[in-house]
Amino acid sequence: MILALLAGAAVLAAAILVFGRSRRRREMTRAGLSERVSEEAKSLRALVDKRESSRPDGDSVIKDYDLPSHRVTLHDEGTREIYLRDHLPEVAELRRQLRDHGVRDETLDSYA
């Protein structure tokens, strides 16, 4: 879960770079899109840092996997709920706008 959020933040940050290059070829139809992407990526990074620093000792495992990094805990579920409630609407809107500008990424699209 945390890795998925980090991947999403990294892809959004990468989209800034790609979008910045494509902006020279095409004017933005919505001012500040690249700034919004950057701010959301920073916000997601802050969420991950805050949640990881507050992870309780002995967090209850909901679903276990061979790799500890794939384990799902109650704390991870709480992080997921925060993401869905506070971040997903903005991320979905940014993804739509980036797509409208021709910016696509297979990794980002896999989270659709």
Protein backbone atom coordinates (compact mmCIF):
# COMPACT_ATOMS: atom_id res chain seq x y z
CA MET A 1 0.00 0.00 0.00
CA ILE A 2 2.68 2.48 1.02
CA LEU A 3 4.76 1.45 -1.99
CA ALA A 4 1.76 2.09 -4.26
CA LEU A 5 1.37 5.60 -2.83
CA LEU A 6 5.08 6.26 -3.31
CA ALA A 7 4.89 4.96 -6.87
CA GLY A 8 1.92 7.23 -7.53
CA ALA A 9 3.77 10.25 -6.14
CA ALA A 10 6.85 9.40 -8.21
CA VAL A 11 4.76 9.05 -11.36
CA LEU A 12 3.05 12.38 -10.69
CA ALA A 13 6.45 14.01 -10.21
CA ALA A 14 7.68 12.42 -13.45
CA ALA A 15 4.58 13.74 -15.20
CA ILE A 16 5.68 17.24 -14.24
CA LEU A 17 8.86 16.75 -16.18
CA VAL A 18 7.08 15.26 -19.18
CA PHE A 19 4.34 17.84 -19.04
CA GLY A 20 6.87 20.64 -18.75
CA ARG A 21 8.48 19.52 -22.00
CA SER A 22 5.16 19.12 -23.81
CA ARG A 23 4.04 22.55 -22.62
CA ARG A 24 6.48 24.12 -25.06
CA ARG A 25 4.59 22.44 -27.89
CA ARG A 26 1.09 22.99 -26.56
CA GLU A 27 -0.28 25.73 -24.37
CA MET A 28 -1.91 24.62 -21.13
CA THR A 29 -5.66 24.99 -21.16
CA ARG A 30 -5.74 25.04 -17.37
CA ALA A 31 -3.28 27.38 -15.71
CA GLY A 32 -1.18 25.94 -12.96
CA LEU A 33 -1.64 22.27 -13.83
CA SER A 34 2.02 21.42 -13.40
CA GLU A 35 2.05 23.28 -10.07
CA ARG A 36 -1.01 21.32 -8.92
CA VAL A 37 0.69 18.05 -9.86
CA SER A 38 3.79 19.05 -7.93
CA GLU A 39 1.79 20.06 -4.87
CA GLU A 40 -0.20 16.81 -4.88
CA ALA A 41 3.00 14.76 -5.21
CA LYS A 42 4.46 16.63 -2.21
CA SER A 43 1.24 16.11 -0.28
CA LEU A 44 1.27 12.36 -0.98
CA ARG A 45 4.93 12.15 0.08
CA ALA A 46 4.07 13.99 3.32
CA LEU A 47 1.17 11.59 3.96
CA VAL A 48 3.45 8.57 3.50
CA ASP A 49 6.16 10.05 5.74
CA LYS A 50 3.64 10.94 8.46
CA ARG A 51 1.93 7.55 8.35
CA GLU A 52 5.22 5.63 8.36
CA SER A 53 6.53 7.64 11.32
CA SER A 54 3.35 6.90 13.28
CA ARG A 55 3.20 3.17 12.48
CA PRO A 56 2.46 1.41 15.78
CA ASP A 57 4.68 -1.38 17.09
CA GLY A 58 2.95 -4.72 16.65
CA ASP A 59 0.59 -3.43 13.97
CA SER A 60 -2.07 -6.09 13.29
CA VAL A 61 -1.49 -7.96 10.04
CA ILE A 62 -4.65 -8.34 7.95
CA LYS A 63 -3.13 -10.17 5.00
CA ASP A 64 0.35 -11.69 5.05
CA TYR A 65 2.59 -12.35 2.06
CA ASP A 66 6.04 -13.86 1.61
CA LEU A 67 7.60 -10.42 1.35
CA PRO A 68 7.15 -8.15 4.39
CA SER A 69 6.83 -5.13 2.08
CA HIS A 70 3.64 -6.65 0.62
CA ARG A 71 1.99 -7.26 3.99
CA VAL A 72 -1.26 -5.41 4.67
CA THR A 73 -1.83 -4.11 8.20
CA LEU A 74 -4.53 -2.14 9.98
CA HIS A 75 -2.29 0.92 9.75
CA ASP A 76 -2.00 0.44 5.97
CA GLU A 77 -5.79 0.25 5.70
CA GLY A 78 -6.03 3.54 7.59
CA THR A 79 -3.56 5.11 5.17
CA ARG A 80 -5.62 3.80 2.26
CA GLU A 81 -8.80 5.34 3.69
CA ILE A 82 -7.06 8.71 4.06
CA TYR A 83 -5.81 8.50 0.47
CA LEU A 84 -9.24 7.59 -0.90
CA ARG A 85 -10.98 10.35 1.06
CA ASP A 86 -8.45 13.18 0.86
CA HIS A 87 -6.34 12.58 -2.26
CA LEU A 88 -8.02 10.37 -4.84
CA PRO A 89 -10.42 13.02 -6.21
CA GLU A 90 -7.55 15.44 -6.91
CA VAL A 91 -5.31 12.69 -8.32
CA ALA A 92 -8.10 11.51 -10.63
CA GLU A 93 -8.69 15.05 -11.87
CA LEU A 94 -4.98 15.65 -12.46
CA ARG A 95 -4.68 12.34 -14.31
CA ARG A 96 -7.61 13.30 -16.54
CA GLN A 97 -6.09 16.68 -17.33
CA LEU A 98 -2.66 15.19 -18.02
CA ARG A 99 -4.28 12.63 -20.33
CA ASP A 100 -6.07 15.49 -22.12
CA HIS A 101 -2.63 17.01 -22.72
CA GLY A 102 -1.30 13.75 -24.13
CA VAL A 103 0.74 12.81 -21.06
CA ARG A 104 0.34 9.09 -20.44
CA ASP A 105 2.22 6.64 -18.27
CA GLU A 106 1.67 2.87 -18.10
CA THR A 107 2.42 2.76 -14.37
CA LEU A 108 -0.02 5.55 -13.60
CA ASP A 109 -2.63 4.02 -15.91
CA SER A 110 -2.36 0.70 -14.08
CA TYR A 111 -3.85 2.40 -10.98
CA ALA A 112 -7.00 3.42 -12.88
